[in-house]
Protein backbone atom coordinates (compact mmCIF):
# COMPACT_ATOMS: atom_id res chain seq x y z
CA UNK A 1 -0.08 -0.01 -0.02
CA UNK A 2 1.42 3.35 -0.83
CA UNK A 3 1.04 6.96 1.57
CA UNK A 4 -2.22 8.14 1.81
CA UNK A 5 -2.34 11.86 2.28
CA UNK A 6 -3.84 13.74 5.05
CA UNK A 7 -6.11 16.97 4.60
CA UNK A 8 -2.88 19.23 4.57
CA UNK A 9 -1.40 16.72 1.75
CA UNK A 10 1.08 15.11 4.19
CA UNK A 11 1.53 11.32 3.15
CA UNK A 12 0.49 9.11 5.94
CA UNK A 13 1.82 5.17 5.92
CA UNK A 14 -0.29 2.20 6.71
CA UNK A 15 1.42 0.48 9.63
CA UNK A 16 3.11 -2.23 7.77
CA UNK A 17 4.85 0.38 5.39
CA UNK A 18 5.67 2.28 8.35
CA UNK A 19 7.34 -0.34 9.92
CA UNK A 20 9.19 -1.09 7.02
CA UNK A 21 10.55 2.90 6.82
CA UNK A 22 11.97 2.84 9.80
CA UNK A 23 13.29 -0.77 10.10
CA UNK A 24 11.00 -2.22 13.08
CA UNK A 25 8.64 -4.48 13.94
CA UNK A 26 4.96 -4.01 13.56
CA UNK A 27 4.21 -5.15 16.94
CA UNK A 28 6.96 -2.24 18.35
CA UNK A 29 4.98 -0.06 16.87
CA UNK A 30 1.61 -0.90 18.37
CA UNK A 31 3.51 -1.13 21.87
CA UNK A 32 5.06 2.48 21.56
CA UNK A 33 1.08 3.86 20.29
CA UNK A 34 0.14 1.99 23.77
CA UNK A 35 3.27 3.58 25.75
CA UNK A 36 2.25 6.75 24.41
CA UNK A 37 5.28 7.66 22.69
CA UNK A 38 3.71 8.09 19.22
CA UNK A 39 0.08 9.05 18.24
CA UNK A 40 -0.99 7.79 14.75
CA UNK A 41 -4.19 9.13 13.13
CA UNK A 42 -6.69 6.84 12.60
CA UNK A 43 -9.56 5.78 9.98
CA UNK A 44 -12.89 5.29 10.52
CA UNK A 45 -12.13 2.04 10.62
CA UNK A 46 -9.51 1.95 13.27
CA UNK A 47 -6.72 1.28 10.71
CA UNK A 48 -3.35 3.59 12.17
CA UNK A 49 -1.88 5.50 9.71
CA UNK A 50 1.62 7.06 10.63
CA UNK A 51 2.48 10.83 9.18
CA UNK A 52 6.33 11.74 8.73
CA UNK A 53 6.57 12.90 12.00
CA UNK A 54 5.35 9.55 13.35
CA UNK A 55 8.27 8.08 11.74
CA UNK A 56 10.65 10.49 12.86
CA UNK A 57 9.42 9.99 16.73
CA UNK A 58 9.75 6.67 15.72
CA UNK A 59 13.12 6.68 14.45
CA UNK A 60 13.84 8.92 17.62
CA UNK A 61 12.90 5.80 19.88
CA UNK A 62 15.36 3.47 17.69
CA UNK A 63 18.10 5.77 18.49
CA UNK A 64 17.57 6.28 22.03
CA UNK A 65 16.69 2.21 22.48
CA UNK A 66 20.62 1.78 20.92
CA UNK A 67 21.71 3.94 23.79
CA UNK A 68 20.48 1.72 26.19
CA UNK A 69 17.38 3.86 27.60
CA UNK A 70 14.02 1.92 28.48
CA UNK A 71 10.46 3.08 27.68
CA UNK A 72 10.31 5.12 30.60
CA UNK A 73 13.61 7.01 29.79
CA UNK A 74 12.66 7.66 26.03
CA UNK A 75 9.61 8.84 27.35
CA UNK A 76 11.06 11.25 29.60
CA UNK A 77 13.65 12.58 27.15
CA UNK A 78 11.14 12.53 24.71
CA UNK A 79 8.80 14.76 26.77
CA UNK A 80 12.00 17.26 27.59
CA UNK A 81 12.63 17.53 23.71
CA UNK A 82 8.96 18.45 22.86
CA UNK A 83 8.66 20.71 25.56
CA UNK A 84 11.80 22.46 24.06
CA UNK A 85 10.44 22.52 20.54
CA UNK A 86 7.31 23.78 22.03
CA UNK A 87 9.26 26.61 23.29
CA UNK A 88 11.30 27.24 20.15
CA UNK A 89 8.15 27.41 18.64
CA UNK A 90 6.61 30.31 21.07
CA UNK A 91 9.76 32.32 21.04
CA UNK A 92 9.56 32.57 17.30
CA UNK A 93 5.86 33.81 16.83
CA UNK A 94 6.85 36.62 19.56
């Protein structure tokens, strides 16, 4: 299945394609969603659709796992990175 497109024309990928693109197993993507590390969009039928942003988060998870962090540590690091990014966006709007 090729990429689908979100309303703003961003490509969206089915879980099998997303897993292949980030070199992970499908069950890992489901686990990371359950843990709150990614939040893919869903179709009306419940099919997960991963955006480029989701893929970037999954790649970051892979890097942090390789560095030896567990999921709790990854969650904290990513939360701090998200806060930093939000602050940068707020400052750029001022």
